[in-house]
């Protein structure tokens, strides 16, 4: 019985540490193994959790912003609008307007 408890006290933290380290490694390597190295046509602008199984996301695709809902049943497009200008572009536009 003592031998079982000793193995449990040694192996349980070891397995927990390995699981934690693998999650950290996966998060760090998340974007490194994508298919191409060129410019991406899809970009996630913003994401918000509504519930543990439901998420809202704004995706930019070819100059359009698309609001989607992602849940257990898949992804549903909710709305679409022209893309907002990027902040650095707005600074240049405001500087030109001030002159």
PDB file of N, CA and C in Angstrom:
ATOM      1  N   UNK A   1       0.821  -1.190   0.000  1.00  0.00           N
ATOM      2  CA  UNK A   1       0.000   0.000   0.000  1.00  0.00           C
ATOM      3  C   UNK A   1       0.870   1.261   0.000  1.00  0.00           C
ATOM      4  N   UNK A   2       1.937   1.226   0.810  1.00  0.00           N
ATOM      5  CA  UNK A   2       2.841   2.376   0.870  1.00  0.00           C
ATOM      6  C   UNK A   2       3.484   2.632  -0.495  1.00  0.00           C
ATOM      7  N   UNK A   3       3.885   1.556  -1.175  1.00  0.00           N
ATOM      8  CA  UNK A   3       4.514   1.677  -2.487  1.00  0.00           C
ATOM      9  C   UNK A   3       3.556   2.321  -3.501  1.00  0.00           C
ATOM     10  N   UNK A   4       2.282   1.977  -3.461  1.00  0.00           N
ATOM     11  CA  UNK A   4       1.265   2.539  -4.355  1.00  0.00           C
ATOM     12  C   UNK A   4       1.112   4.037  -4.112  1.00  0.00           C
ATOM     13  N   UNK A   5       1.029   4.461  -2.877  1.00  0.00           N
ATOM     14  CA  UNK A   5       0.864   5.883  -2.541  1.00  0.00           C
ATOM     15  C   UNK A   5       2.113   6.662  -2.940  1.00  0.00           C
ATOM     16  N   UNK A   6       3.283   6.082  -2.733  1.00  0.00           N
ATOM     17  CA  UNK A   6       4.520   6.752  -3.126  1.00  0.00           C
ATOM     18  C   UNK A   6       4.565   6.958  -4.645  1.00  0.00           C
ATOM     19  N   UNK A   7       4.206   5.937  -5.427  1.00  0.00           N
ATOM     20  CA  UNK A   7       4.168   6.084  -6.887  1.00  0.00           C
ATOM     21  C   UNK A   7       3.141   7.132  -7.299  1.00  0.00           C
ATOM     22  N   UNK A   8       2.008   7.154  -6.632  1.00  0.00           N
ATOM     23  CA  UNK A   8       0.963   8.128  -6.936  1.00  0.00           C
ATOM     24  C   UNK A   8       1.449   9.554  -6.673  1.00  0.00           C
ATOM     25  N   UNK A   9       2.130   9.763  -5.550  1.00  0.00           N
ATOM     26  CA  UNK A   9       2.627  11.095  -5.206  1.00  0.00           C
ATOM     27  C   UNK A   9       3.725  11.563  -6.160  1.00  0.00           C
ATOM     28  N   UNK A  10       4.446  10.650  -6.759  1.00  0.00           N
ATOM     29  CA  UNK A  10       5.496  11.025  -7.703  1.00  0.00           C
ATOM     30  C   UNK A  10       4.938  11.189  -9.113  1.00  0.00           C
ATOM     31  N   UNK A  11       4.119  10.273  -9.564  1.00  0.00           N
ATOM     32  CA  UNK A  11       3.673  10.277 -10.953  1.00  0.00           C
ATOM     33  C   UNK A  11       2.549  11.276 -11.242  1.00  0.00           C
ATOM     34  N   UNK A  12       1.670  11.519 -10.288  1.00  0.00           N
ATOM     35  CA  UNK A  12       0.552  12.439 -10.534  1.00  0.00           C
ATOM     36  C   UNK A  12       1.036  13.861 -10.843  1.00  0.00           C
ATOM     37  N   UNK A  13       1.933  14.461 -10.044  1.00  0.00           N
ATOM     38  CA  UNK A  13       2.442  15.788 -10.432  1.00  0.00           C
ATOM     39  C   UNK A  13       3.251  15.759 -11.730  1.00  0.00           C
ATOM     40  N   UNK A  14       3.942  14.659 -11.984  1.00  0.00           N
ATOM     41  CA  UNK A  14       4.708  14.543 -13.218  1.00  0.00           C
ATOM     42  C   UNK A  14       3.786  14.557 -14.442  1.00  0.00           C
ATOM     43  N   UNK A  15       2.709  13.815 -14.392  1.00  0.00           N
ATOM     44  CA  UNK A  15       1.752  13.783 -15.507  1.00  0.00           C
ATOM     45  C   UNK A  15       1.061  15.140 -15.656  1.00  0.00           C
ATOM     46  N   UNK A  16       0.702  15.759 -14.543  1.00  0.00           N
ATOM     47  CA  UNK A  16       0.085  17.087 -14.608  1.00  0.00           C
ATOM     48  C   UNK A  16       1.032  18.117 -15.209  1.00  0.00           C
ATOM     49  N   UNK A  17       2.304  18.067 -14.830  1.00  0.00           N
ATOM     50  CA  UNK A  17       3.286  18.995 -15.393  1.00  0.00           C
ATOM     51  C   UNK A  17       3.498  18.779 -16.876  1.00  0.00           C
ATOM     52  N   UNK A  18       3.523  17.525 -17.307  1.00  0.00           N
ATOM     53  CA  UNK A  18       3.666  17.244 -18.738  1.00  0.00           C
ATOM     54  C   UNK A  18       2.459  17.728 -19.527  1.00  0.00           C
ATOM     55  N   UNK A  19       1.263  17.570 -18.982  1.00  0.00           N
ATOM     56  CA  UNK A  19       0.057  18.053 -19.661  1.00  0.00           C
ATOM     57  C   UNK A  19       0.092  19.574 -19.776  1.00  0.00           C
ATOM     58  N   UNK A  20       0.469  20.255 -18.688  1.00  0.00           N
ATOM     59  CA  UNK A  20       0.551  21.709 -18.706  1.00  0.00           C
ATOM     60  C   UNK A  20       1.591  22.183 -19.725  1.00  0.00           C
ATOM     61  N   UNK A  21       2.766  21.538 -19.741  1.00  0.00           N
ATOM     62  CA  UNK A  21       3.829  21.924 -20.669  1.00  0.00           C
ATOM     63  C   UNK A  21       3.412  21.688 -22.125  1.00  0.00           C
ATOM     64  N   UNK A  22       2.692  20.609 -22.383  1.00  0.00           N
ATOM     65  CA  UNK A  22       2.257  20.355 -23.765  1.00  0.00           C
ATOM     66  C   UNK A  22       1.224  21.383 -24.210  1.00  0.00           C
ATOM     67  N   UNK A  23       0.357  21.830 -23.317  1.00  0.00           N
ATOM     68  CA  UNK A  23      -0.601  22.884 -23.679  1.00  0.00           C
ATOM     69  C   UNK A  23       0.106  24.204 -23.962  1.00  0.00           C
ATOM     70  N   UNK A  24       1.084  24.553 -23.156  1.00  0.00           N
ATOM     71  CA  UNK A  24       1.847  25.784 -23.394  1.00  0.00           C
ATOM     72  C   UNK A  24       2.605  25.702 -24.727  1.00  0.00           C
ATOM     73  N   UNK A  25       3.195  24.560 -25.021  1.00  0.00           N
ATOM     74  CA  UNK A  25       3.927  24.377 -26.272  1.00  0.00           C
ATOM     75  C   UNK A  25       2.983  24.466 -27.468  1.00  0.00           C
ATOM     76  N   UNK A  26       1.814  23.860 -27.355  1.00  0.00           N
ATOM     77  CA  UNK A  26       0.838  23.904 -28.452  1.00  0.00           C
ATOM     78  C   UNK A  26       0.368  25.329 -28.694  1.00  0.00           C
ATOM     79  N   UNK A  27       0.164  26.109 -27.639  1.00  0.00           N
ATOM     80  CA  UNK A  27      -0.265  27.497 -27.795  1.00  0.00           C
ATOM     81  C   UNK A  27       0.829  28.326 -28.468  1.00  0.00           C
ATOM     82  N   UNK A  28       2.091  28.063 -28.128  1.00  0.00           N
ATOM     83  CA  UNK A  28       3.186  28.805 -28.725  1.00  0.00           C
ATOM     84  C   UNK A  28       3.359  28.455 -30.201  1.00  0.00           C
ATOM     85  N   UNK A  29       3.135  27.212 -30.562  1.00  0.00           N
ATOM     86  CA  UNK A  29       3.342  26.756 -31.929  1.00  0.00           C
ATOM     87  C   UNK A  29       2.087  26.838 -32.790  1.00  0.00           C
ATOM     88  N   UNK A  30       1.049  27.459 -32.282  1.00  0.00           N
ATOM     89  CA  UNK A  30      -0.253  27.465 -32.948  1.00  0.00           C
ATOM     90  C   UNK A  30      -0.202  27.989 -34.385  1.00  0.00           C
ATOM     91  N   UNK A  31       0.467  29.092 -34.634  1.00  0.00           N
ATOM     92  CA  UNK A  31       0.471  29.677 -35.967  1.00  0.00           C
ATOM     93  C   UNK A  31       1.656  29.288 -36.825  1.00  0.00           C
ATOM     94  N   UNK A  32       2.559  28.484 -36.330  1.00  0.00           N
ATOM     95  CA  UNK A  32       3.792  28.182 -37.036  1.00  0.00           C
ATOM     96  C   UNK A  32       3.630  27.153 -38.155  1.00  0.00           C
ATOM     97  N   UNK A  33       2.624  26.309 -38.082  1.00  0.00           N
ATOM     98  CA  UNK A  33       2.500  25.207 -39.031  1.00  0.00           C
ATOM     99  C   UNK A  33       1.369  25.405 -40.031  1.00  0.00           C
ATOM    100  N   UNK A  34       1.049  26.654 -40.347  1.00  0.00           N
ATOM    101  CA  UNK A  34       0.002  26.889 -41.339  1.00  0.00           C
ATOM    102  C   UNK A  34       0.552  26.590 -42.732  1.00  0.00           C
ATOM    103  N   UNK A  35      -0.355  26.387 -43.683  1.00  0.00           N
ATOM    104  CA  UNK A  35       0.031  25.938 -45.014  1.00  0.00           C
ATOM    105  C   UNK A  35       0.968  26.861 -45.756  1.00  0.00           C
ATOM    106  N   UNK A  36       0.603  28.098 -45.973  1.00  0.00           N
ATOM    107  CA  UNK A  36       1.424  28.994 -46.771  1.00  0.00           C
ATOM    108  C   UNK A  36       2.034  30.095 -45.925  1.00  0.00           C
ATOM    109  N   UNK A  37       3.042  30.745 -46.484  1.00  0.00           N
ATOM    110  CA  UNK A  37       3.678  31.837 -45.761  1.00  0.00           C
ATOM    111  C   UNK A  37       3.293  33.185 -46.351  1.00  0.00           C
ATOM    112  N   UNK A  38       2.444  33.193 -47.355  1.00  0.00           N
ATOM    113  CA  UNK A  38       2.021  34.428 -47.994  1.00  0.00           C
ATOM    114  C   UNK A  38       0.974  35.153 -47.166  1.00  0.00           C
ATOM    115  N   UNK A  39       0.434  36.237 -47.714  1.00  0.00           N
ATOM    116  CA  UNK A  39      -0.592  36.992 -46.982  1.00  0.00           C
ATOM    117  C   UNK A  39      -1.868  36.165 -46.815  1.00  0.00           C
ATOM    118  N   UNK A  40      -2.498  36.330 -45.683  1.00  0.00           N
ATOM    119  CA  UNK A  40      -3.712  35.575 -45.371  1.00  0.00           C
ATOM    120  C   UNK A  40      -4.939  36.349 -45.864  1.00  0.00           C
ATOM    121  N   UNK A  41      -5.924  35.649 -46.401  1.00  0.00           N
ATOM    122  CA  UNK A  41      -7.139  36.309 -46.875  1.00  0.00           C
ATOM    123  C   UNK A  41      -8.204  36.363 -45.783  1.00  0.00           C
ATOM    124  N   UNK A  42      -8.031  35.578 -44.718  1.00  0.00           N
ATOM    125  CA  UNK A  42      -8.992  35.567 -43.614  1.00  0.00           C
ATOM    126  C   UNK A  42      -8.257  35.964 -42.346  1.00  0.00           C
ATOM    127  N   UNK A  43      -8.878  36.885 -41.583  1.00  0.00           N
ATOM    128  CA  UNK A  43      -8.274  37.333 -40.332  1.00  0.00           C
ATOM    129  C   UNK A  43      -9.366  37.485 -39.290  1.00  0.00           C
ATOM    130  N   UNK A  44      -9.152  36.943 -38.091  1.00  0.00           N
ATOM    131  CA  UNK A  44     -10.105  37.106 -36.993  1.00  0.00           C
ATOM    132  C   UNK A  44      -9.800  38.435 -36.321  1.00  0.00           C
ATOM    133  N   UNK A  45     -10.766  39.344 -36.359  1.00  0.00           N
ATOM    134  CA  UNK A  45     -10.574  40.671 -35.802  1.00  0.00           C
ATOM    135  C   UNK A  45     -10.893  40.682 -34.318  1.00  0.00           C
ATOM    136  N   UNK A  46     -12.004  40.057 -33.962  1.00  0.00           N
ATOM    137  CA  UNK A  46     -12.465  40.104 -32.575  1.00  0.00           C
ATOM    138  C   UNK A  46     -13.248  38.844 -32.281  1.00  0.00           C
ATOM    139  N   UNK A  47     -13.216  38.415 -31.025  1.00  0.00           N
ATOM    140  CA  UNK A  47     -13.938  37.219 -30.626  1.00  0.00           C
ATOM    141  C   UNK A  47     -14.451  37.398 -29.209  1.00  0.00           C
ATOM    142  N   UNK A  48     -15.670  36.940 -28.948  1.00  0.00           N
ATOM    143  CA  UNK A  48     -16.292  37.101 -27.631  1.00  0.00           C
ATOM    144  C   UNK A  48     -17.056  35.839 -27.265  1.00  0.00           C
ATOM    145  N   UNK A  49     -16.785  35.302 -26.085  1.00  0.00           N
ATOM    146  CA  UNK A  49     -17.521  34.135 -25.590  1.00  0.00           C
ATOM    147  C   UNK A  49     -18.876  34.595 -25.047  1.00  0.00           C
ATOM    148  N   UNK A  50     -19.944  33.958 -25.491  1.00  0.00           N
ATOM    149  CA  UNK A  50     -21.276  34.233 -24.974  1.00  0.00           C
ATOM    150  C   UNK A  50     -21.663  33.233 -23.891  1.00  0.00           C
ATOM    151  N   UNK A  51     -21.261  32.001 -24.088  1.00  0.00           N
ATOM    152  CA  UNK A  51     -21.499  30.927 -23.125  1.00  0.00           C
ATOM    153  C   UNK A  51     -20.405  29.889 -23.346  1.00  0.00           C
ATOM    154  N   UNK A  52     -20.334  28.864 -22.502  1.00  0.00           N
ATOM    155  CA  UNK A  52     -19.273  27.866 -22.718  1.00  0.00           C
ATOM    156  C   UNK A  52     -19.325  27.175 -24.075  1.00  0.00           C
ATOM    157  N   UNK A  53     -20.473  27.169 -24.724  1.00  0.00           N
ATOM    158  CA  UNK A  53     -20.576  26.494 -26.019  1.00  0.00           C
ATOM    159  C   UNK A  53     -20.848  27.446 -27.175  1.00  0.00           C
ATOM    160  N   UNK A  54     -20.905  28.763 -26.933  1.00  0.00           N
ATOM    161  CA  UNK A  54     -21.269  29.731 -27.978  1.00  0.00           C
ATOM    162  C   UNK A  54     -20.270  30.881 -28.000  1.00  0.00           C
ATOM    163  N   UNK A  55     -19.810  31.231 -29.212  1.00  0.00           N
ATOM    164  CA  UNK A  55     -18.846  32.314 -29.386  1.00  0.00           C
ATOM    165  C   UNK A  55     -19.275  33.186 -30.565  1.00  0.00           C
ATOM    166  N   UNK A  56     -19.104  34.504 -30.421  1.00  0.00           N
ATOM    167  CA  UNK A  56     -19.298  35.443 -31.527  1.00  0.00           C
ATOM    168  C   UNK A  56     -17.923  35.864 -32.024  1.00  0.00           C
ATOM    169  N   UNK A  57     -17.766  35.995 -33.328  1.00  0.00           N
ATOM    170  CA  UNK A  57     -16.484  36.413 -33.891  1.00  0.00           C
ATOM    171  C   UNK A  57     -16.724  37.328 -35.078  1.00  0.00           C
ATOM    172  N   UNK A  58     -15.831  38.308 -35.229  1.00  0.00           N
ATOM    173  CA  UNK A  58     -15.824  39.171 -36.404  1.00  0.00           C
ATOM    174  C   UNK A  58     -14.625  38.754 -37.237  1.00  0.00           C
ATOM    175  N   UNK A  59     -14.892  38.372 -38.487  1.00  0.00           N
ATOM    176  CA  UNK A  59     -13.863  37.871 -39.389  1.00  0.00           C
ATOM    177  C   UNK A  59     -13.750  38.819 -40.564  1.00  0.00           C
ATOM    178  N   UNK A  60     -12.517  39.199 -40.927  1.00  0.00           N
ATOM    179  CA  UNK A  60     -12.302  40.026 -42.112  1.00  0.00           C
ATOM    180  C   UNK A  60     -11.940  39.109 -43.266  1.00  0.00           C
ATOM    181  N   UNK A  61     -12.656  39.276 -44.387  1.00  0.00           N
ATOM    182  CA  UNK A  61     -12.428  38.448 -45.563  1.00  0.00           C
ATOM    183  C   UNK A  61     -12.603  39.313 -46.803  1.00  0.00           C
ATOM    184  N   UNK A  62     -11.518  39.538 -47.542  1.00  0.00           N
ATOM    185  CA  UNK A  62     -11.522  40.311 -48.792  1.00  0.00           C
ATOM    186  C   UNK A  62     -12.251  41.648 -48.647  1.00  0.00           C
ATOM    187  N   UNK A  63     -11.857  42.433 -47.658  1.00  0.00           N
ATOM    188  CA  UNK A  63     -12.418  43.772 -47.490  1.00  0.00           C
ATOM    189  C   UNK A  63     -13.809  43.811 -46.887  1.00  0.00           C
ATOM    190  N   UNK A  64     -14.287  42.721 -46.358  1.00  0.00           N
ATOM    191  CA  UNK A  64     -15.598  42.671 -45.702  1.00  0.00           C
ATOM    192  C   UNK A  64     -15.410  42.157 -44.287  1.00  0.00           C
ATOM    193  N   UNK A  65     -16.234  42.632 -43.363  1.00  0.00           N
ATOM    194  CA  UNK A  65     -16.260  42.103 -42.007  1.00  0.00           C
ATOM    195  C   UNK A  65     -17.529  41.279 -41.854  1.00  0.00           C
ATOM    196  N   UNK A  66     -17.368  40.061 -41.404  1.00  0.00           N
ATOM    197  CA  UNK A  66     -18.482  39.132 -41.282  1.00  0.00           C
ATOM    198  C   UNK A  66     -18.618  38.740 -39.820  1.00  0.00           C
ATOM    199  N   UNK A  67     -19.810  38.940 -39.245  1.00  0.00           N
ATOM    200  CA  UNK A  67     -20.099  38.533 -37.875  1.00  0.00           C
ATOM    201  C   UNK A  67     -20.645  37.117 -37.917  1.00  0.00           C
ATOM    202  N   UNK A  68     -19.980  36.197 -37.208  1.00  0.00           N
ATOM    203  CA  UNK A  68     -20.401  34.803 -37.201  1.00  0.00           C
ATOM    204  C   UNK A  68     -20.611  34.341 -35.764  1.00  0.00           C
ATOM    205  N   UNK A  69     -21.459  33.340 -35.641  1.00  0.00           N
ATOM    206  CA  UNK A  69     -21.704  32.677 -34.374  1.00  0.00           C
ATOM    207  C   UNK A  69     -21.185  31.256 -34.497  1.00  0.00           C
ATOM    208  N   UNK A  70     -20.359  30.839 -33.535  1.00  0.00           N
ATOM    209  CA  UNK A  70     -19.808  29.487 -33.566  1.00  0.00           C
ATOM    210  C   UNK A  70     -20.266  28.758 -32.309  1.00  0.00           C
ATOM    211  N   UNK A  71     -20.862  27.589 -32.514  1.00  0.00           N
ATOM    212  CA  UNK A  71     -21.345  26.795 -31.394  1.00  0.00           C
ATOM    213  C   UNK A  71     -21.308  25.324 -31.717  1.00  0.00           C
ATOM    214  N   UNK A  72     -22.058  24.553 -30.960  1.00  0.00           N
ATOM    215  CA  UNK A  72     -22.090  23.102 -31.166  1.00  0.00           C
ATOM    216  C   UNK A  72     -22.632  22.737 -32.544  1.00  0.00           C
ATOM    217  N   UNK A  73     -23.540  23.542 -33.053  1.00  0.00           N
ATOM    218  CA  UNK A  73     -24.190  23.229 -34.322  1.00  0.00           C
ATOM    219  C   UNK A  73     -23.414  23.727 -35.534  1.00  0.00           C
ATOM    220  N   UNK A  74     -22.247  24.335 -35.329  1.00  0.00           N
ATOM    221  CA  UNK A  74     -21.447  24.828 -36.437  1.00  0.00           C
ATOM    222  C   UNK A  74     -21.338  26.340 -36.417  1.00  0.00           C
ATOM    223  N   UNK A  75     -21.043  26.907 -37.588  1.00  0.00           N
ATOM    224  CA  UNK A  75     -20.855  28.350 -37.729  1.00  0.00           C
ATOM    225  C   UNK A  75     -22.009  28.917 -38.546  1.00  0.00           C
ATOM    226  N   UNK A  76     -22.548  30.045 -38.067  1.00  0.00           N
ATOM    227  CA  UNK A  76     -23.671  30.698 -38.742  1.00  0.00           C
ATOM    228  C   UNK A  76     -23.293  32.156 -38.988  1.00  0.00           C
ATOM    229  N   UNK A  77     -23.450  32.627 -40.240  1.00  0.00           N
ATOM    230  CA  UNK A  77     -23.193  34.030 -40.559  1.00  0.00           C
ATOM    231  C   UNK A  77     -24.381  34.850 -40.086  1.00  0.00           C
ATOM    232  N   UNK A  78     -24.102  35.881 -39.272  1.00  0.00           N
ATOM    233  CA  UNK A  78     -25.168  36.716 -38.719  1.00  0.00           C
ATOM    234  C   UNK A  78     -25.299  38.044 -39.453  1.00  0.00           C
ATOM    235  N   UNK A  79     -24.167  38.672 -39.808  1.00  0.00           N
ATOM    236  CA  UNK A  79     -24.216  39.978 -40.468  1.00  0.00           C
ATOM    237  C   UNK A  79     -22.940  40.171 -41.276  1.00  0.00           C
ATOM    238  N   UNK A  80     -22.999  41.154 -42.183  1.00  0.00           N
ATOM    239  CA  UNK A  80     -21.844  41.461 -43.020  1.00  0.00           C
ATOM    240  C   UNK A  80     -21.811  42.955 -43.268  1.00  0.00           C
ATOM    241  N   UNK A  81     -20.609  43.544 -43.272  1.00  0.00           N
ATOM    242  CA  UNK A  81     -20.448  44.982 -43.489  1.00  0.00           C
ATOM    243  C   UNK A  81     -19.098  45.238 -44.142  1.00  0.00           C
ATOM    244  N   UNK A  82     -18.928  46.426 -44.743  1.00  0.00           N
ATOM    245  CA  UNK A  82     -17.596  46.760 -45.280  1.00  0.00           C
ATOM    246  C   UNK A  82     -16.588  46.840 -44.142  1.00  0.00           C
ATOM    247  N   UNK A  83     -15.343  46.523 -44.438  1.00  0.00           N
ATOM    248  CA  UNK A  83     -14.297  46.548 -43.406  1.00  0.00           C
ATOM    249  C   UNK A  83     -14.039  47.971 -42.942  1.00  0.00           C
ATOM    250  N   UNK A  84     -13.806  48.117 -41.636  1.00  0.00           N
ATOM    251  CA  UNK A  84     -13.442  49.419 -41.078  1.00  0.00           C
ATOM    252  C   UNK A  84     -11.988  49.704 -41.435  1.00  0.00           C
ATOM    253  N   UNK A  85     -11.625  50.991 -41.614  1.00  0.00           N
ATOM    254  CA  UNK A  85     -10.218  51.301 -41.898  1.00  0.00           C
ATOM    255  C   UNK A  85      -9.354  50.974 -40.678  1.00  0.00           C
ATOM    256  N   UNK A  86      -8.113  50.591 -40.933  1.00  0.00           N
ATOM    257  CA  UNK A  86      -7.191  50.249 -39.860  1.00  0.00           C
ATOM    258  C   UNK A  86      -6.779  51.524 -39.125  1.00  0.00           C
ATOM    259  N   UNK A  87      -6.428  51.465 -37.831  1.00  0.00           N
ATOM    260  CA  UNK A  87      -6.085  52.672 -37.063  1.00  0.00           C
ATOM    261  C   UNK A  87      -4.939  53.480 -37.670  1.00  0.00           C
ATOM    262  N   UNK A  88      -3.890  52.823 -38.188  1.00  0.00           N
ATOM    263  CA  UNK A  88      -2.776  53.575 -38.758  1.00  0.00           C
ATOM    264  C   UNK A  88      -3.197  54.309 -40.027  1.00  0.00           C
ATOM    265  N   UNK A  89      -4.145  53.759 -40.778  1.00  0.00           N
ATOM    266  CA  UNK A  89      -4.668  54.434 -41.969  1.00  0.00           C
ATOM    267  C   UNK A  89      -5.472  55.656 -41.540  1.00  0.00           C
ATOM    268  N   UNK A  90      -6.223  55.536 -40.460  1.00  0.00           N
ATOM    269  CA  UNK A  90      -7.012  56.666 -39.952  1.00  0.00           C
ATOM    270  C   UNK A  90      -6.096  57.801 -39.508  1.00  0.00           C
ATOM    271  N   UNK A  91      -4.949  57.504 -38.899  1.00  0.00           N
ATOM    272  CA  UNK A  91      -4.014  58.541 -38.474  1.00  0.00           C
ATOM    273  C   UNK A  91      -3.487  59.312 -39.674  1.00  0.00           C
ATOM    274  N   UNK A  92      -3.173  58.617 -40.767  1.00  0.00           N
ATOM    275  CA  UNK A  92      -2.673  59.270 -41.975  1.00  0.00           C
ATOM    276  C   UNK A  92      -3.758  60.146 -42.592  1.00  0.00           C
ATOM    277  N   UNK A  93      -4.994  59.658 -42.627  1.00  0.00           N
ATOM    278  CA  UNK A  93      -6.119  60.414 -43.196  1.00  0.00           C
ATOM    279  C   UNK A  93      -6.362  61.667 -42.374  1.00  0.00           C
ATOM    280  N   UNK A  94      -6.333  61.544 -41.043  1.00  0.00           N
ATOM    281  CA  UNK A  94      -6.555  62.713 -40.177  1.00  0.00           C
ATOM    282  C   UNK A  94      -5.429  63.723 -40.320  1.00  0.00           C
ATOM    283  N   UNK A  95      -4.182  63.251 -40.491  1.00  0.00           N
ATOM    284  CA  UNK A  95      -3.042  64.163 -40.654  1.00  0.00           C
ATOM    285  C   UNK A  95      -3.157  64.920 -41.978  1.00  0.00           C
ATOM    286  N   UNK A  96      -3.588  64.244 -43.034  1.00  0.00           N
ATOM    287  CA  UNK A  96      -3.752  64.898 -44.330  1.00  0.00           C
ATOM    288  C   UNK A  96      -4.897  65.895 -44.289  1.00  0.00           C
ATOM    289  N   UNK A  97      -5.951  65.601 -43.562  1.00  0.00           N
ATOM    290  CA  UNK A  97      -7.094  66.504 -43.458  1.00  0.00           C
ATOM    291  C   UNK A  97      -6.725  67.755 -42.662  1.00  0.00           C
ATOM    292  N   UNK A  98      -5.812  67.628 -41.704  1.00  0.00           N
ATOM    293  CA  UNK A  98      -5.419  68.756 -40.871  1.00  0.00           C
ATOM    294  C   UNK A  98      -4.535  69.746 -41.647  1.00  0.00           C
ATOM    295  N   UNK A  99      -3.872  69.303 -42.710  1.00  0.00           N
ATOM    296  CA  UNK A  99      -2.976  70.187 -43.460  1.00  0.00           C
ATOM    297  C   UNK A  99      -3.716  71.038 -44.387  1.00  0.00           C
TER     298      UNK A  99
END
